[in-house]
Protein backbone atom coordinates (compact mmCIF):
# COMPACT_ATOMS: atom_id res chain seq x y z
CA UNK A 1 -8.79 -24.09 -5.55
CA UNK A 2 -10.12 -21.04 -3.95
CA UNK A 3 -8.41 -17.89 -5.04
CA UNK A 4 -7.96 -15.25 -2.76
CA UNK A 5 -8.35 -11.99 -5.09
CA UNK A 6 -8.73 -8.01 -4.81
CA UNK A 7 -12.00 -6.64 -6.10
CA UNK A 8 -14.12 -3.45 -6.49
CA UNK A 9 -17.28 -4.59 -5.98
CA UNK A 10 -18.78 -1.02 -7.67
CA UNK A 11 -16.68 1.57 -9.95
CA UNK A 12 -14.95 3.72 -8.19
CA UNK A 13 -14.58 1.62 -5.16
CA UNK A 14 -11.75 0.49 -2.94
CA UNK A 15 -10.19 -3.22 -3.17
CA UNK A 16 -11.76 -5.16 -0.88
CA UNK A 17 -10.54 -8.92 -0.35
CA UNK A 18 -12.59 -11.49 -2.40
CA UNK A 19 -12.52 -15.22 -2.95
CA UNK A 20 -13.57 -17.24 -5.79
CA UNK A 21 -13.78 -21.31 -6.47
CA UNK A 22 -11.32 -21.49 -9.93
CA UNK A 23 -13.05 -23.69 -12.11
CA UNK A 24 -11.22 -27.96 -13.09
CA UNK A 25 -8.20 -26.54 -15.51
CA UNK A 26 -8.85 -26.87 -18.71
CA UNK A 27 -6.62 -28.80 -21.29
CA UNK A 28 -4.49 -25.80 -22.29
CA UNK A 29 -4.98 -23.88 -19.31
CA UNK A 30 -2.12 -22.84 -16.58
CA UNK A 31 -2.38 -21.45 -13.12
CA UNK A 32 0.16 -19.17 -12.07
CA UNK A 33 0.57 -18.44 -8.41
CA UNK A 34 1.14 -14.52 -8.51
CA UNK A 35 4.63 -13.26 -6.61
CA UNK A 36 4.50 -9.57 -8.41
CA UNK A 37 1.50 -7.15 -10.37
CA UNK A 38 2.35 -4.41 -11.60
CA UNK A 39 -0.47 -1.68 -11.59
CA UNK A 40 -1.80 0.48 -15.37
CA UNK A 41 -3.85 2.87 -16.31
CA UNK A 42 -5.96 0.24 -17.94
CA UNK A 43 -6.57 -1.62 -14.47
CA UNK A 44 -7.78 1.83 -13.42
CA UNK A 45 -9.92 2.09 -16.29
CA UNK A 46 -11.35 -1.06 -15.06
CA UNK A 47 -12.05 -0.38 -11.63
CA UNK A 48 -13.22 2.67 -12.02
CA UNK A 49 -15.46 1.55 -15.95
CA UNK A 50 -14.02 4.58 -17.76
CA UNK A 51 -14.67 2.23 -20.99
CA UNK A 52 -18.56 1.40 -19.54
CA UNK A 53 -17.26 -1.97 -20.15
CA UNK A 54 -17.36 -2.70 -16.19
CA UNK A 55 -18.04 -6.45 -14.94
CA UNK A 56 -18.13 -5.98 -11.08
CA UNK A 57 -16.49 -7.87 -8.76
CA UNK A 58 -13.49 -6.48 -10.33
CA UNK A 59 -10.43 -8.10 -10.57
CA UNK A 60 -8.28 -6.04 -12.22
CA UNK A 61 -4.54 -6.77 -12.61
CA UNK A 62 -2.86 -8.27 -16.03
CA UNK A 63 1.00 -7.31 -15.76
CA UNK A 64 1.45 -10.57 -13.98
CA UNK A 65 5.19 -12.77 -12.84
CA UNK A 66 5.20 -15.87 -10.62
CA UNK A 67 5.25 -19.03 -10.60
CA UNK A 68 3.64 -22.08 -12.99
CA UNK A 69 1.99 -24.37 -10.46
CA UNK A 70 -0.29 -26.52 -12.53
CA UNK A 71 -1.13 -27.12 -16.30
CA UNK A 72 -3.67 -28.73 -18.61
CA UNK A 73 -2.78 -32.22 -19.79
CA UNK A 74 -2.38 -30.73 -23.61
CA UNK A 75 0.45 -28.63 -22.74
CA UNK A 76 3.58 -30.20 -23.06
CA UNK A 77 5.89 -29.80 -19.88
CA UNK A 78 9.22 -29.41 -21.93
CA UNK A 79 7.70 -26.52 -23.17
CA UNK A 80 6.11 -25.02 -19.97
CA UNK A 81 7.45 -26.95 -16.74
CA UNK A 82 6.33 -26.87 -13.37
CA UNK A 83 8.36 -24.31 -10.95
CA UNK A 84 9.18 -22.14 -13.99
CA UNK A 85 9.20 -18.69 -12.99
CA UNK A 86 7.06 -16.87 -15.88
CA UNK A 87 4.95 -13.70 -16.53
CA UNK A 88 0.97 -13.31 -17.91
CA UNK A 89 0.24 -9.95 -19.49
CA UNK A 90 -2.58 -8.23 -20.84
CA UNK A 91 -3.64 -11.10 -23.14
CA UNK A 92 -3.92 -14.71 -21.48
CA UNK A 93 -5.23 -16.69 -24.44
CA UNK A 94 -6.22 -16.34 -28.07
CA UNK A 95 -8.26 -19.11 -30.62
CA UNK A 96 -5.22 -20.13 -32.67
CA UNK A 97 -7.45 -20.91 -35.17
CA UNK A 98 -8.42 -17.59 -36.72
CA UNK A 99 -7.20 -15.96 -39.98
CA UNK A 100 -5.13 -13.30 -37.39
CA UNK A 101 -3.72 -16.33 -35.35
CA UNK A 102 -3.33 -18.74 -37.84
CA UNK A 103 -1.24 -15.69 -39.39
CA UNK A 104 0.82 -15.21 -36.08
CA UNK A 105 -1.42 -11.89 -35.37
CA UNK A 106 -2.82 -13.47 -31.89
CA UNK A 107 -2.95 -10.24 -30.30
CA UNK A 108 -5.27 -9.26 -33.58
CA UNK A 109 -8.19 -12.06 -32.39
CA UNK A 110 -11.77 -11.88 -31.86
CA UNK A 111 -11.74 -13.81 -29.17
CA UNK A 112 -8.06 -12.88 -27.46
CA UNK A 113 -8.77 -13.01 -23.56
CA UNK A 114 -8.29 -9.59 -22.52
CA UNK A 115 -7.38 -10.31 -18.91
CA UNK A 116 -7.92 -6.93 -17.63
CA UNK A 117 -11.86 -6.97 -18.85
CA UNK A 118 -12.64 -10.38 -17.79
CA UNK A 119 -14.68 -9.30 -14.37
CA UNK A 120 -13.47 -11.22 -10.92
CA UNK A 121 -10.79 -13.25 -12.59
CA UNK A 122 -7.73 -10.79 -13.33
CA UNK A 123 -4.44 -10.79 -11.95
CA UNK A 124 -4.60 -8.61 -8.30
CA UNK A 125 -4.41 -12.79 -6.58
CA UNK A 126 -2.49 -15.10 -5.33
CA UNK A 127 -3.48 -17.46 -8.37
CA UNK A 128 -4.32 -16.20 -12.07
CA UNK A 129 -5.49 -18.80 -14.88
CA UNK A 130 -4.02 -18.11 -18.67
CA UNK A 131 -6.50 -20.26 -20.75
CA UNK A 132 -3.54 -21.00 -23.24
CA UNK A 133 -0.29 -21.81 -22.16
CA UNK A 134 1.63 -20.25 -25.03
CA UNK A 135 0.63 -16.82 -23.54
CA UNK A 136 2.77 -17.68 -20.22
CA UNK A 137 6.06 -16.29 -21.10
CA UNK A 138 9.12 -17.25 -19.18
CA UNK A 139 10.46 -14.32 -17.63
CA UNK A 140 14.66 -14.65 -19.17
CA UNK A 141 17.21 -15.73 -16.01
CA UNK A 142 18.83 -12.41 -14.45
CA UNK A 143 15.77 -10.31 -14.83
CA UNK A 144 14.19 -9.40 -11.97
CA UNK A 145 10.31 -9.61 -11.00
CA UNK A 146 8.85 -6.92 -10.26
CA UNK A 147 11.16 -5.52 -13.02
CA UNK A 148 9.73 -8.21 -15.69
CA UNK A 149 5.71 -7.66 -14.45
CA UNK A 150 5.38 -4.32 -16.21
CA UNK A 151 7.32 -5.23 -19.41
CA UNK A 152 4.39 -7.64 -19.83
CA UNK A 153 1.77 -4.86 -20.35
CA UNK A 154 3.38 -1.14 -21.18
CA UNK A 155 6.57 -2.88 -22.11
CA UNK A 156 4.87 -4.84 -24.97
CA UNK A 157 2.85 -1.93 -25.81
CA UNK A 158 5.79 0.53 -26.67
CA UNK A 159 7.65 -2.48 -28.50
CA UNK A 160 5.07 -3.65 -30.48
CA UNK A 161 4.47 -1.10 -32.58
CA UNK A 162 8.95 -0.48 -33.31
CA UNK A 163 8.27 -3.87 -35.64
CA UNK A 164 4.85 -2.99 -36.65
CA UNK A 165 6.09 0.59 -38.25
CA UNK A 166 9.00 -1.17 -39.36
CA UNK A 167 11.22 1.81 -37.56
CA UNK A 168 14.75 1.51 -38.33
CA UNK A 169 18.10 2.51 -35.95
CA UNK A 170 18.63 5.49 -38.90
CA UNK A 171 15.64 7.25 -38.25
CA UNK A 172 14.47 10.11 -36.35
CA UNK A 173 12.07 9.21 -33.55
CA UNK A 174 9.71 11.80 -31.41
CA UNK A 175 8.50 9.85 -27.89
CA UNK A 176 5.25 11.53 -26.23
CA UNK A 177 4.65 11.61 -22.82
CA UNK A 178 7.59 10.06 -20.63
CA UNK A 179 5.65 8.63 -18.01
CA UNK A 180 5.33 4.90 -17.49
CA UNK A 181 4.82 3.52 -20.79
CA UNK A 182 7.56 6.70 -22.42
CA UNK A 183 10.44 5.75 -20.11
CA UNK A 184 10.26 2.56 -21.75
CA UNK A 185 10.13 3.53 -24.89
CA UNK A 186 12.56 5.93 -24.55
CA UNK A 187 15.14 2.90 -23.80
CA UNK A 188 13.84 0.41 -26.14
CA UNK A 189 14.09 3.01 -29.20
CA UNK A 190 17.71 5.02 -28.06
CA UNK A 191 18.72 0.71 -27.69
CA UNK A 192 17.14 0.55 -31.59
CA UNK A 193 19.69 3.10 -32.27
CA UNK A 194 17.28 5.59 -33.62
CA UNK A 195 18.00 9.52 -32.24
CA UNK A 196 15.10 9.62 -30.05
CA UNK A 197 13.34 13.17 -29.00
CA UNK A 198 10.88 12.75 -25.87
CA UNK A 199 8.47 15.37 -25.75
CA UNK A 200 6.45 16.47 -22.24
CA UNK A 201 4.41 19.82 -21.67
CA UNK A 202 7.48 20.83 -19.07
CA UNK A 203 10.95 20.35 -18.51
CA UNK A 204 10.64 19.18 -15.18
CA UNK A 205 11.26 15.41 -16.85
CA UNK A 206 14.52 16.25 -19.08
CA UNK A 207 17.00 15.03 -16.92
CA UNK A 208 14.88 11.81 -16.50
CA UNK A 209 14.44 11.72 -20.08
CA UNK A 210 17.99 12.10 -20.51
CA UNK A 211 18.71 9.12 -18.37
CA UNK A 212 16.04 7.02 -20.63
CA UNK A 213 18.00 7.32 -23.42
CA UNK A 214 16.72 10.89 -25.38
CA UNK A 215 19.35 12.76 -26.79
CA UNK A 216 16.82 16.06 -27.35
CA UNK A 217 13.79 17.32 -25.36
CA UNK A 218 10.88 19.54 -26.56
CA UNK A 219 8.63 21.30 -23.80
CA UNK A 220 5.86 21.22 -25.55
CA UNK A 221 3.74 24.04 -24.08
CA UNK A 222 6.62 26.08 -24.33
CA UNK A 223 5.58 29.33 -27.04
CA UNK A 224 6.71 27.79 -30.50
CA UNK A 225 8.46 24.42 -29.10
CA UNK A 226 6.15 22.04 -31.98
CA UNK A 227 6.45 24.65 -34.61
CA UNK A 228 10.37 25.03 -34.18
CA UNK A 229 10.35 20.49 -34.82
CA UNK A 230 8.14 20.73 -38.10
CA UNK A 231 9.36 18.01 -40.39
CA UNK A 232 11.63 16.32 -37.99
CA UNK A 233 10.44 12.94 -37.03
CA UNK A 234 10.13 9.86 -39.20
CA UNK A 235 8.19 8.06 -36.38
CA UNK A 236 6.09 9.82 -33.22
CA UNK A 237 4.91 7.45 -30.46
CA UNK A 238 2.45 8.93 -28.35
CA UNK A 239 1.71 7.04 -24.93
CA UNK A 240 -0.60 9.57 -22.59
CA UNK A 241 -3.62 9.03 -22.10
CA UNK A 242 -4.77 12.78 -22.86
CA UNK A 243 -6.19 14.45 -26.03
CA UNK A 244 -3.31 16.56 -27.65
CA UNK A 245 -3.27 19.22 -30.20
CA UNK A 246 -3.00 16.89 -32.78
CA UNK A 247 -2.54 18.83 -35.71
CA UNK A 248 0.31 19.91 -34.35
CA UNK A 249 1.54 16.50 -34.24
CA UNK A 250 0.89 15.44 -37.21
CA UNK A 251 3.25 19.05 -38.07
CA UNK A 252 6.46 17.24 -36.72
CA UNK A 253 5.72 14.46 -38.96
CA UNK A 254 8.63 14.08 -41.99
CA UNK A 255 6.45 13.35 -45.47
CA UNK A 256 4.97 9.47 -44.95
CA UNK A 257 6.16 9.91 -41.24
CA UNK A 258 3.84 7.98 -38.99
CA UNK A 259 2.18 9.07 -36.00
CA UNK A 260 1.80 6.16 -33.40
CA UNK A 261 -1.39 6.14 -30.72
CA UNK A 262 -0.48 4.07 -27.96
CA UNK A 263 -2.33 5.97 -24.84
CA UNK A 264 -5.77 6.07 -24.85
CA UNK A 265 -7.18 9.66 -25.36
CA UNK A 266 -10.50 10.91 -23.53
CA UNK A 267 -11.97 12.22 -26.79
CA UNK A 268 -12.18 11.41 -30.61
CA UNK A 269 -8.61 12.72 -32.64
CA UNK A 270 -9.53 15.01 -34.73
CA UNK A 271 -7.15 16.77 -37.38
CA UNK A 272 -6.52 18.15 -40.60
CA UNK A 273 -7.03 16.16 -44.04
CA UNK A 274 -4.89 18.18 -45.38
CA UNK A 275 -2.06 18.02 -43.18
CA UNK A 276 -2.34 14.08 -43.34
CA UNK A 277 -2.58 13.81 -46.98
CA UNK A 278 -0.38 16.14 -48.65
CA UNK A 279 2.77 14.16 -47.43
CA UNK A 280 1.41 10.66 -47.17
CA UNK A 281 1.46 10.62 -42.95
CA UNK A 282 -0.17 7.72 -41.13
CA UNK A 283 -2.00 7.76 -38.02
CA UNK A 284 -2.48 4.27 -36.66
CA UNK A 285 -2.59 2.52 -33.10
CA UNK A 286 -0.30 0.93 -30.86
CA UNK A 287 -1.84 -2.05 -28.68
CA UNK A 288 0.51 -5.14 -26.86
CA UNK A 289 2.48 -7.06 -29.43
CA UNK A 290 1.70 -10.76 -30.29
CA UNK A 291 3.39 -13.99 -28.35
CA UNK A 292 6.18 -13.86 -30.41
CA UNK A 293 7.10 -10.36 -29.77
CA UNK A 294 6.31 -10.02 -26.16
CA UNK A 295 9.16 -12.74 -25.88
CA UNK A 296 11.09 -10.91 -28.18
CA UNK A 297 10.36 -7.87 -26.46
CA UNK A 298 11.74 -9.78 -22.95
CA UNK A 299 14.86 -10.97 -24.74
CA UNK A 300 15.63 -7.46 -26.13
CA UNK A 301 15.17 -5.95 -22.88
CA UNK A 302 16.54 -8.42 -20.71
CA UNK A 303 20.10 -7.68 -23.20
CA UNK A 304 20.13 -4.34 -23.35
CA UNK A 305 19.87 -4.38 -19.58
CA UNK A 306 15.80 -2.40 -20.25
CA UNK A 307 13.90 -2.16 -16.91
CA UNK A 308 11.12 -0.03 -15.47
CA UNK A 309 11.75 2.40 -12.53
CA UNK A 310 9.66 0.88 -10.33
CA UNK A 311 8.28 1.80 -6.83
CA UNK A 312 6.75 -1.74 -5.19
CA UNK A 313 3.99 -1.72 -2.57
CA UNK A 314 3.35 -4.66 -0.16
CA UNK A 315 -0.08 -6.14 -0.41
CA UNK A 316 -1.73 -4.26 2.34
CA UNK A 317 -0.59 -0.64 0.54
CA UNK A 318 -3.07 -1.54 -2.46
CA UNK A 319 -4.64 1.36 -2.10
CA UNK A 320 -1.76 4.16 -1.79
CA UNK A 321 -0.27 2.10 -5.09
CA UNK A 322 -3.33 3.15 -6.93
CA UNK A 323 -3.94 6.78 -5.50
CA UNK A 324 -0.46 7.55 -6.58
CA UNK A 325 -1.35 5.58 -10.23
CA UNK A 326 -4.45 8.05 -10.39
CA UNK A 327 -2.66 11.60 -9.32
CA UNK A 328 0.32 10.36 -11.87
CA UNK A 329 2.97 11.07 -8.91
CA UNK A 330 4.69 7.88 -9.70
CA UNK A 331 8.06 7.57 -11.21
CA UNK A 332 7.13 5.30 -12.74
CA UNK A 333 5.72 2.22 -12.33
CA UNK A 334 4.11 0.28 -9.31
CA UNK A 335 4.39 -3.03 -8.67
CA UNK A 336 2.54 -5.05 -5.89
CA UNK A 337 4.53 -7.72 -4.17
CA UNK A 338 2.00 -10.53 -3.35
CA UNK A 339 4.85 -13.31 -1.65
């Protein structure tokens, strides 16, 4: 099968049409005809080679919604029928025989198939292949495809930490950053039942944060704003790809509180050991969910009418969409329509 994609041929280069021939379908593999693809900061990191892991030509894209058009011989057609509307997210496969997979933690598999790091086989294309059908997720009826696409990375990235950290509806929580991840985190946490505070550098996004479910708001650049919130939160979720005054954020945790970092700061995180150990606080990482968690997230979003706020773009406007994500002017996720 000929696959028509959009690829950067060197770091930071514009996307150009790119064609490759897909290998014969493996026994557990699935081909998906792409109709919608979300754009995430991780896609920019791959295109611009921010992490030094670039493989060029680079076909990014890991928030894919479309139609299952072919499955391998080992795929049960009752589990994944041809023609079903499905999503493929940040992880398109895992080994299913390591300790991590056997215990259900497929997102920690050492051999996981990270779609955005494949090189020229990502989701910015008319077709994408998942290396294991179990990582291909049915999209709930009634959920629009342009809303489902960002949930497959951004949504599961902010939903999984709620489960991993045992967040309870009785707790006070805060979300740092009201962007592509943060605006979804506010919705999930408010529907979870928590008292949710939104934290942004200025008050510009206060109205949006309240619309997404925040019950309180902190403008972190206002003098003394973070200091006034000392000891307030059981759980703080940082969704920003920026360096923060980490000791200040550690200080807003209550004893045994957790600071979960789901964004990717530019520099190493440094903080005071005293602030960490004196009240048994913890700093943890947040990543995309397991197969089960991702499906739970889609079901929870469908039940509670949680959806990303998106701007859609035609494939011909790919560069404009990427530039909107780069400059931070998007509200709040970009989705490219391929068909």
